[in-house]
Protein backbone atom coordinates (compact mmCIF):
# COMPACT_ATOMS: atom_id res chain seq x y z
CA UNK A 1 -3.57 -54.97 70.04
CA UNK A 2 -0.32 -56.83 70.76
CA UNK A 3 1.13 -59.24 68.18
CA UNK A 4 3.32 -62.32 68.71
CA UNK A 5 4.92 -64.98 66.50
CA UNK A 6 3.58 -68.51 66.01
CA UNK A 7 4.23 -71.35 63.61
CA UNK A 8 1.25 -72.36 61.49
CA UNK A 9 0.54 -75.10 58.96
CA UNK A 10 -2.56 -75.67 56.87
CA UNK A 11 -4.21 -75.68 53.48
CA UNK A 12 -5.00 -72.64 51.40
CA UNK A 13 -8.12 -71.05 52.80
CA UNK A 14 -10.81 -68.95 51.18
CA UNK A 15 -10.71 -65.97 53.51
CA UNK A 16 -8.36 -63.15 52.54
CA UNK A 17 -6.30 -63.07 55.75
CA UNK A 18 -5.66 -66.84 55.69
CA UNK A 19 -4.60 -66.69 52.04
CA UNK A 20 -2.16 -63.95 52.95
CA UNK A 21 -0.68 -65.84 55.91
CA UNK A 22 -0.83 -69.47 54.86
CA UNK A 23 0.33 -70.51 51.42
CA UNK A 24 0.74 -74.17 52.34
CA UNK A 25 3.45 -75.80 54.48
CA UNK A 26 4.75 -74.44 57.77
CA UNK A 27 5.31 -70.71 58.24
CA UNK A 28 6.11 -68.34 61.08
CA UNK A 29 3.43 -65.66 61.28
CA UNK A 30 2.61 -62.68 63.50
CA UNK A 31 -0.92 -62.68 64.91
CA UNK A 32 -2.77 -60.38 67.21
CA UNK A 33 -4.82 -61.86 70.04
CA UNK A 34 -8.10 -61.86 68.11
CA UNK A 35 -6.55 -63.64 65.12
CA UNK A 36 -4.77 -66.18 67.33
CA UNK A 37 -8.05 -67.26 68.95
CA UNK A 38 -9.75 -67.41 65.57
CA UNK A 39 -7.19 -69.68 63.95
CA UNK A 40 -6.85 -71.90 66.99
CA UNK A 41 -10.53 -72.81 66.56
CA UNK A 42 -10.16 -73.31 62.80
CA UNK A 43 -9.59 -77.06 62.07
CA UNK A 44 -7.76 -76.22 58.85
CA UNK A 45 -4.77 -74.84 60.76
CA UNK A 46 -2.46 -75.91 63.53
CA UNK A 47 -0.78 -73.28 65.70
CA UNK A 48 2.51 -74.38 67.25
CA UNK A 49 5.10 -72.97 69.61
CA UNK A 50 7.99 -71.77 67.37
CA UNK A 51 10.52 -72.67 70.09
CA UNK A 52 9.36 -76.22 70.95
CA UNK A 53 7.58 -77.13 67.71
CA UNK A 54 4.66 -78.49 69.71
CA UNK A 55 1.04 -77.67 69.03
CA UNK A 56 -0.46 -75.02 71.32
CA UNK A 57 -3.41 -75.87 73.50
CA UNK A 58 -6.09 -73.30 74.23
CA UNK A 59 -4.75 -72.89 77.75
CA UNK A 60 -1.24 -72.20 76.45
CA UNK A 61 -2.56 -69.79 73.85
CA UNK A 62 -4.67 -67.92 76.41
CA UNK A 63 -1.59 -67.62 78.62
CA UNK A 64 0.35 -66.14 75.71
CA UNK A 65 -2.52 -63.77 74.92
CA UNK A 66 -2.72 -62.65 78.55
CA UNK A 67 1.03 -62.04 78.62
CA UNK A 68 0.83 -60.07 75.37
CA UNK A 69 -2.08 -57.98 76.67
CA UNK A 70 -0.20 -57.29 79.90
CA UNK A 71 2.91 -56.25 77.97
CA UNK A 72 0.82 -53.89 75.84
CA UNK A 73 -0.85 -52.44 78.95
CA UNK A 74 2.53 -51.87 80.60
CA UNK A 75 3.81 -50.19 77.44
CA UNK A 76 0.82 -47.83 77.31
CA UNK A 77 1.02 -46.98 81.02
CA UNK A 78 4.76 -46.33 80.80
CA UNK A 79 4.16 -44.00 77.84
CA UNK A 80 1.47 -42.12 79.79
CA UNK A 81 3.69 -41.80 82.87
CA UNK A 82 6.59 -40.56 80.73
CA UNK A 83 4.30 -37.95 79.20
CA UNK A 84 3.27 -36.83 82.71
CA UNK A 85 6.92 -36.68 83.75
CA UNK A 86 7.80 -34.57 80.71
CA UNK A 87 4.94 -32.17 81.47
CA UNK A 88 6.11 -31.87 85.07
CA UNK A 89 9.68 -31.07 84.01
CA UNK A 90 8.30 -28.46 81.62
CA UNK A 91 6.38 -26.93 84.54
CA UNK A 92 9.29 -26.57 86.95
CA UNK A 93 11.53 -25.31 84.12
CA UNK A 94 8.90 -23.12 82.44
CA UNK A 95 11.16 -20.08 82.86
CA UNK A 96 13.79 -21.45 80.47
CA UNK A 97 15.00 -20.06 78.20
CA UNK A 98 15.10 -16.56 79.61
CA UNK A 99 14.00 -13.61 77.44
CA UNK A 100 16.72 -11.91 75.42
CA UNK A 101 17.88 -8.61 76.95
CA UNK A 102 18.77 -5.96 74.32
CA UNK A 103 22.09 -4.13 74.58
CA UNK A 104 22.56 -0.35 74.37
CA UNK A 105 23.41 -0.77 70.69
CA UNK A 106 20.19 -2.73 70.16
CA UNK A 107 18.13 0.07 71.71
CA UNK A 108 19.94 2.67 69.59
CA UNK A 109 19.20 0.73 66.40
CA UNK A 110 15.60 0.17 67.51
CA UNK A 111 14.97 3.92 67.16
CA UNK A 112 15.21 3.62 63.40
CA UNK A 113 11.95 3.00 61.59
CA UNK A 114 11.74 -0.34 59.84
CA UNK A 115 10.67 -0.36 56.20
CA UNK A 116 7.33 -1.87 55.32
CA UNK A 117 7.63 -5.27 53.65
CA UNK A 118 4.27 -6.48 52.31
CA UNK A 119 3.46 -10.16 52.70
CA UNK A 120 1.61 -10.18 49.37
CA UNK A 121 2.71 -9.70 45.76
CA UNK A 122 1.34 -7.49 42.96
CA UNK A 123 -0.90 -9.29 40.47
CA UNK A 124 1.00 -10.78 37.54
CA UNK A 125 0.11 -9.65 34.02
CA UNK A 126 -1.80 -12.30 32.07
CA UNK A 127 0.20 -14.74 29.97
CA UNK A 128 -1.10 -13.58 26.59
CA UNK A 129 0.13 -16.61 24.68
CA UNK A 130 -1.61 -18.92 27.12
CA UNK A 131 -4.80 -16.78 27.01
CA UNK A 132 -4.88 -16.89 23.21
CA UNK A 133 -4.39 -20.67 23.21
CA UNK A 134 -7.22 -21.04 25.72
CA UNK A 135 -9.58 -18.91 23.61
CA UNK A 136 -8.73 -20.92 20.52
CA UNK A 137 -9.47 -24.12 22.42
CA UNK A 138 -12.83 -22.74 23.59
CA UNK A 139 -13.79 -21.72 20.04
CA UNK A 140 -12.80 -25.17 18.72
CA UNK A 141 -14.96 -26.90 21.33
CA UNK A 142 -17.85 -24.55 20.51
CA UNK A 143 -17.76 -25.39 16.81
CA UNK A 144 -17.30 -29.10 17.49
CA UNK A 145 -20.41 -29.12 19.67
CA UNK A 146 -22.63 -27.08 17.33
CA UNK A 147 -24.88 -28.56 14.62
CA UNK A 148 -23.15 -30.68 11.98
CA UNK A 149 -19.82 -30.10 13.71
CA UNK A 150 -20.56 -33.16 15.83
CA UNK A 151 -20.27 -35.31 12.70
CA UNK A 152 -17.31 -33.54 11.07
CA UNK A 153 -13.58 -34.21 11.65
CA UNK A 154 -11.90 -32.27 14.48
CA UNK A 155 -9.58 -30.34 12.15
CA UNK A 156 -12.62 -28.67 10.50
CA UNK A 157 -13.77 -27.34 13.88
CA UNK A 158 -10.26 -26.05 14.53
CA UNK A 159 -10.20 -24.30 11.14
CA UNK A 160 -13.51 -22.61 11.96
CA UNK A 161 -12.11 -21.51 15.32
CA UNK A 162 -9.02 -20.01 13.68
CA UNK A 163 -11.23 -18.04 11.31
CA UNK A 164 -13.30 -16.64 14.21
CA UNK A 165 -10.30 -15.93 16.45
CA UNK A 166 -9.30 -12.50 14.94
CA UNK A 167 -12.73 -11.06 15.78
CA UNK A 168 -13.14 -12.82 19.17
CA UNK A 169 -9.70 -12.02 20.57
CA UNK A 170 -9.98 -8.19 20.90
CA UNK A 171 -13.04 -8.58 23.13
CA UNK A 172 -11.37 -11.26 25.28
CA UNK A 173 -8.19 -9.19 25.52
CA UNK A 174 -10.17 -6.16 26.72
CA UNK A 175 -11.87 -8.27 29.41
CA UNK A 176 -8.54 -9.63 30.63
CA UNK A 177 -6.93 -6.17 30.69
CA UNK A 178 -9.87 -4.72 32.63
CA UNK A 179 -9.73 -7.57 35.15
CA UNK A 180 -5.98 -7.12 35.57
CA UNK A 181 -6.37 -3.35 35.99
CA UNK A 182 -8.97 -3.97 38.72
CA UNK A 183 -6.60 -6.36 40.49
CA UNK A 184 -3.79 -3.80 40.31
CA UNK A 185 -6.04 -1.11 41.74
CA UNK A 186 -7.10 -3.37 44.64
CA UNK A 187 -3.45 -4.27 45.27
CA UNK A 188 -2.39 -0.62 45.37
CA UNK A 189 -5.23 0.26 47.75
CA UNK A 190 -4.31 -2.58 50.11
CA UNK A 191 -0.62 -1.67 49.86
CA UNK A 192 -1.34 1.96 50.73
CA UNK A 193 -3.57 1.02 53.69
CA UNK A 194 -1.19 -1.50 55.19
CA UNK A 195 1.82 0.73 54.56
CA UNK A 196 0.11 3.61 56.37
CA UNK A 197 -0.86 1.34 59.27
CA UNK A 198 2.70 0.02 59.48
CA UNK A 199 4.14 3.53 59.42
CA UNK A 200 1.86 4.54 62.30
CA UNK A 201 2.88 1.49 64.31
CA UNK A 202 6.55 2.27 63.71
CA UNK A 203 6.02 5.91 64.64
CA UNK A 204 4.35 4.86 67.89
CA UNK A 205 7.05 2.26 68.62
CA UNK A 206 9.92 4.69 68.12
CA UNK A 207 8.15 7.32 70.22
CA UNK A 208 7.66 4.72 72.99
CA UNK A 209 11.37 3.79 72.93
CA UNK A 210 12.42 7.43 73.07
CA UNK A 211 10.17 8.07 76.07
CA UNK A 212 11.73 5.09 77.84
CA UNK A 213 15.25 6.23 76.98
CA UNK A 214 14.38 9.71 78.26
CA UNK A 215 13.36 8.23 81.62
CA UNK A 216 9.66 9.10 81.34
CA UNK A 217 8.43 7.57 84.63
CA UNK A 218 4.82 7.48 83.48
CA UNK A 219 5.80 5.50 80.38
CA UNK A 220 7.95 3.14 82.45
CA UNK A 221 5.01 2.56 84.79
CA UNK A 222 2.68 1.87 81.87
CA UNK A 223 5.19 -0.51 80.24
CA UNK A 224 5.74 -2.53 83.43
CA UNK A 225 1.99 -2.84 83.91
CA UNK A 226 1.50 -4.02 80.33
CA UNK A 227 4.33 -6.55 80.56
CA UNK A 228 3.14 -8.08 83.83
CA UNK A 229 -0.46 -8.18 82.67
CA UNK A 230 0.51 -9.94 79.44
CA UNK A 231 2.53 -12.74 81.06
CA UNK A 232 0.95 -16.18 81.21
CA UNK A 233 2.16 -18.68 83.80
CA UNK A 234 1.28 -22.39 84.02
CA UNK A 235 0.00 -21.87 87.57
CA UNK A 236 -1.89 -19.31 89.63
CA UNK A 237 0.24 -16.35 90.65
CA UNK A 238 0.02 -12.58 91.03
CA UNK A 239 2.52 -9.73 90.97
CA UNK A 240 2.27 -6.08 92.04
CA UNK A 241 4.99 -3.49 91.45
CA UNK A 242 6.38 -0.19 92.67
CA UNK A 243 8.60 2.40 90.97
CA UNK A 244 10.95 4.89 92.55
CA UNK A 245 12.83 5.90 89.42
CA UNK A 246 13.30 4.58 85.85
CA UNK A 247 16.31 2.52 86.94
CA UNK A 248 14.63 0.51 89.70
CA UNK A 249 11.55 -1.71 89.71
CA UNK A 250 10.24 -3.41 92.84
CA UNK A 251 8.03 -6.48 92.53
CA UNK A 252 5.75 -7.94 95.19
CA UNK A 253 5.20 -11.52 94.03
CA UNK A 254 2.53 -13.91 95.28
CA UNK A 255 4.04 -17.34 94.58
CA UNK A 256 2.05 -20.49 93.89
CA UNK A 257 1.65 -22.75 96.90
CA UNK A 258 3.75 -25.90 96.85
CA UNK A 259 0.67 -28.13 97.04
CA UNK A 260 -0.68 -26.58 93.82
CA UNK A 261 2.39 -27.18 91.65
CA UNK A 262 4.46 -30.00 93.17
CA UNK A 263 2.69 -33.40 93.43
CA UNK A 264 3.06 -35.23 96.72
CA UNK A 265 3.25 -38.68 95.08
CA UNK A 266 4.44 -40.27 91.87
CA UNK A 267 3.13 -43.33 90.08
CA UNK A 268 5.02 -46.48 89.19
CA UNK A 269 4.06 -49.42 86.99
CA UNK A 270 3.42 -52.84 88.51
CA UNK A 271 4.10 -56.16 86.78
CA UNK A 272 0.41 -56.59 85.91
CA UNK A 273 0.25 -53.19 84.21
CA UNK A 274 -1.56 -51.44 87.07
CA UNK A 275 -0.10 -48.41 88.82
CA UNK A 276 0.42 -47.44 92.41
CA UNK A 277 1.41 -44.18 94.02
CA UNK A 278 4.45 -43.71 96.18
CA UNK A 279 5.03 -40.61 98.30
CA UNK A 280 7.74 -38.37 96.89
CA UNK A 281 10.56 -37.57 99.32
CA UNK A 282 10.04 -34.22 101.01
CA UNK A 283 13.56 -33.16 100.06
CA UNK A 284 12.82 -33.77 96.38
CA UNK A 285 9.52 -31.87 96.44
CA UNK A 286 11.05 -28.90 98.23
CA UNK A 287 14.02 -28.77 95.86
CA UNK A 288 11.70 -28.75 92.85
CA UNK A 289 9.56 -26.02 94.40
CA UNK A 290 12.61 -23.87 95.16
CA UNK A 291 13.79 -24.28 91.56
CA UNK A 292 10.39 -23.30 90.20
CA UNK A 293 9.86 -20.16 92.31
CA UNK A 294 13.46 -18.97 92.02
CA UNK A 295 13.20 -19.43 88.29
CA UNK A 296 9.96 -17.46 88.28
CA UNK A 297 11.63 -14.52 90.06
CA UNK A 298 14.57 -14.60 87.64
CA UNK A 299 12.22 -14.82 84.65
CA UNK A 300 10.26 -11.75 85.79
CA UNK A 301 13.47 -9.75 86.17
CA UNK A 302 14.71 -10.79 82.72
CA UNK A 303 11.34 -9.97 81.14
CA UNK A 304 11.36 -6.44 82.58
CA UNK A 305 15.00 -5.85 81.64
CA UNK A 306 14.14 -6.82 78.07
CA UNK A 307 11.56 -3.97 77.90
CA UNK A 308 13.18 -1.28 80.05
CA UNK A 309 16.46 0.14 78.65
CA UNK A 310 17.26 2.23 81.75
CA UNK A 311 16.38 -0.40 84.37
CA UNK A 312 19.43 -1.66 86.28
CA UNK A 313 17.67 -3.22 89.26
CA UNK A 314 14.60 -5.44 89.60
CA UNK A 315 14.04 -6.26 93.27
CA UNK A 316 11.66 -9.17 93.89
CA UNK A 317 10.01 -9.86 97.24
CA UNK A 318 8.26 -13.22 96.98
CA UNK A 319 5.83 -14.76 99.43
CA UNK A 320 3.51 -17.72 99.66
CA UNK A 321 0.56 -18.65 101.86
CA UNK A 322 1.19 -21.16 104.65
CA UNK A 323 -1.12 -22.38 107.44
CA UNK A 324 -0.96 -20.41 110.68
CA UNK A 325 0.68 -22.03 113.69
CA UNK A 326 -0.85 -19.38 115.95
CA UNK A 327 -3.80 -17.09 115.45
CA UNK A 328 -1.48 -14.09 115.44
CA UNK A 329 0.78 -15.50 112.70
CA UNK A 330 0.49 -13.93 109.23
CA UNK A 331 -0.77 -16.10 106.38
CA UNK A 332 1.70 -14.61 103.90
CA UNK A 333 5.16 -16.10 104.38
CA UNK A 334 8.07 -14.32 102.69
CA UNK A 335 10.71 -16.71 101.34
CA UNK A 336 12.71 -14.67 98.80
CA UNK A 337 14.02 -11.11 98.55
CA UNK A 338 16.41 -10.79 95.61
CA UNK A 339 17.90 -7.65 93.99
CA UNK A 340 18.48 -8.74 90.38
CA UNK A 341 21.01 -6.62 88.52
CA UNK A 342 20.82 -6.18 84.76
CA UNK A 343 24.37 -7.32 83.95
CA UNK A 344 24.11 -10.46 86.06
CA UNK A 345 20.78 -11.52 84.55
CA UNK A 346 22.06 -10.81 81.03
CA UNK A 347 25.05 -13.10 81.56
CA UNK A 348 23.21 -15.89 83.38
CA UNK A 349 23.24 -19.29 81.64
CA UNK A 350 20.71 -21.72 83.18
CA UNK A 351 22.53 -24.70 81.69
CA UNK A 352 25.88 -23.79 83.26
CA UNK A 353 25.11 -21.84 86.44
CA UNK A 354 23.43 -23.07 89.62
CA UNK A 355 20.24 -21.13 90.32
CA UNK A 356 20.62 -20.98 94.11
CA UNK A 357 24.24 -19.83 93.86
CA UNK A 358 23.32 -17.19 91.30
CA UNK A 359 20.59 -15.71 93.50
CA UNK A 360 23.02 -15.65 96.40
CA UNK A 361 25.63 -13.80 94.30
CA UNK A 362 22.96 -11.27 93.35
CA UNK A 363 22.64 -10.47 97.05
CA UNK A 364 19.44 -12.44 97.52
CA UNK A 365 18.05 -12.93 100.98
CA UNK A 366 16.64 -16.44 101.52
CA UNK A 367 17.29 -19.62 103.49
CA UNK A 368 17.32 -23.16 102.10
CA UNK A 369 17.16 -25.57 105.03
CA UNK A 370 19.76 -28.35 104.51
CA UNK A 371 17.67 -31.02 106.23
CA UNK A 372 14.84 -30.96 103.65
CA UNK A 373 15.70 -28.30 101.00
CA UNK A 374 12.71 -26.18 102.02
CA UNK A 375 12.63 -22.40 101.74
CA UNK A 376 12.45 -21.05 105.28
CA UNK A 377 10.51 -17.99 106.31
CA UNK A 378 12.33 -14.65 106.20
CA UNK A 379 11.39 -11.23 107.53
CA UNK A 380 9.46 -9.00 105.11
CA UNK A 381 11.79 -6.77 103.05
CA UNK A 382 12.70 -3.45 104.64
CA UNK A 383 11.97 -1.63 101.38
CA UNK A 384 8.39 -2.91 101.41
CA UNK A 385 6.72 -0.37 103.65
CA UNK A 386 3.30 -0.58 105.22
CA UNK A 387 2.15 2.07 102.75
CA UNK A 388 3.26 -0.13 99.89
CA UNK A 389 1.36 -3.10 101.29
CA UNK A 390 -1.77 -1.02 101.79
CA UNK A 391 -1.52 0.28 98.21
CA UNK A 392 -1.49 -3.21 96.66
CA UNK A 393 -4.15 -4.70 98.94
CA UNK A 394 -6.79 -2.02 98.37
C-alpha cells in the first residue's frame, strides 16, 4: 500500500496509531491510503496539503490516493516486466559460461586416485571434569529434593552429594566410556564403508579415463550418450550423434522452433499502470534466435570436449522445423553446419568474441540474411548420409 506525506494537526487521541503520529501541534506524517481516509473522517484531526498549507477536501484526498495507487501499480508492473526480461536474457544466454575444457596435464593428473576425505569427525572423548561436575550437581539436586532435605540449607545437600560421589562416579564413568566406545565403533564402521565405496568410485573413474585415453571407441560412445542424455535445456530439443573415431564426434541437432523460445511481442507499461503488447521487430527476434541456437551448438561442443580427451572435432548439423511452402518440401530445415575444433572452443571468450564471427572462423556453414537477421536454409551436410538419417529416425 503506497504512502504519502501530509500535514496533520489535532489533539492527543486514544488509539495507538494516532498517539504515535499526533502528539499535539502540526506535524508532517506519512500515511497509507487506508489511514488517510480514516483520519480525514475523524473530526479530531485536520489533514492539509504540506505544499499549500490548505486543508484537503475528500475529493483532493481521493485524487492523491488514486495517484498513489497508480504509482504503486506501475512500480509493481515494472518490477514484473523486469523479472520477465531478466528471465528472457537468461534463456537466450543459457549457454554461458561454457564448460571448462581440461588440458592434457589435467587429464594426466586425473589418473591419480584422490584420497578419501570424510565429511564427518571421530567422536570426541568425554570431558571428564565436566561430567564429574554434572554428576555432583545431579546428586545435590537429588538430596535437596528428598525428605527433610527440602527444609535444610543447600550446603547440607551439597555435602551429602560429595560424600556419595566416590561411590557413584565409577558407575557413571563406566557408562560414559561404554557409550564413547560404541560411538567410536560406529564411526570406524562408517569410515570403513565410505572409504571402500570411495575407493571403488576412484578405481572406476581412473579406469574410465584410461579407456578414453586409449581410444576405446565403445567407451567414447557410451560417454557421449551419457553426456547428451544428462544435459538439461530450458526448451525442447533433441540431439543424436555418430562416431567415426575417438577424435571426431558428429551431432545431429534438432533445434527449438523460434516461436517456442522467442516471443513475438513485448509488454510496456501505460500511464495508468496497465500494460499493452507491441510486436517485436522481426530483425530483433531473428538475431536473438540466432544467438540462442549458435550458443547451443557451441555449448554442446564444449561439453563433449570437456569429457573426451582425444576429441579434436565436434561437427554439429542443426535443423529446425518450418512450414512447407510446397507439398514436396521437407519439414526439417538445416540452418547450421559447424565443425568446432577443440583449440578454438577452449580459447573462446563469449564476453570478448562475436559468436557469428567465431562460428565463421571455425569453418561453419550458415547464412544470416542481412535484411532481417534470419538464418537461411542450407543444404543438408554432405557428411550426413541417408544411412545416418535412417539410423536416427528408426
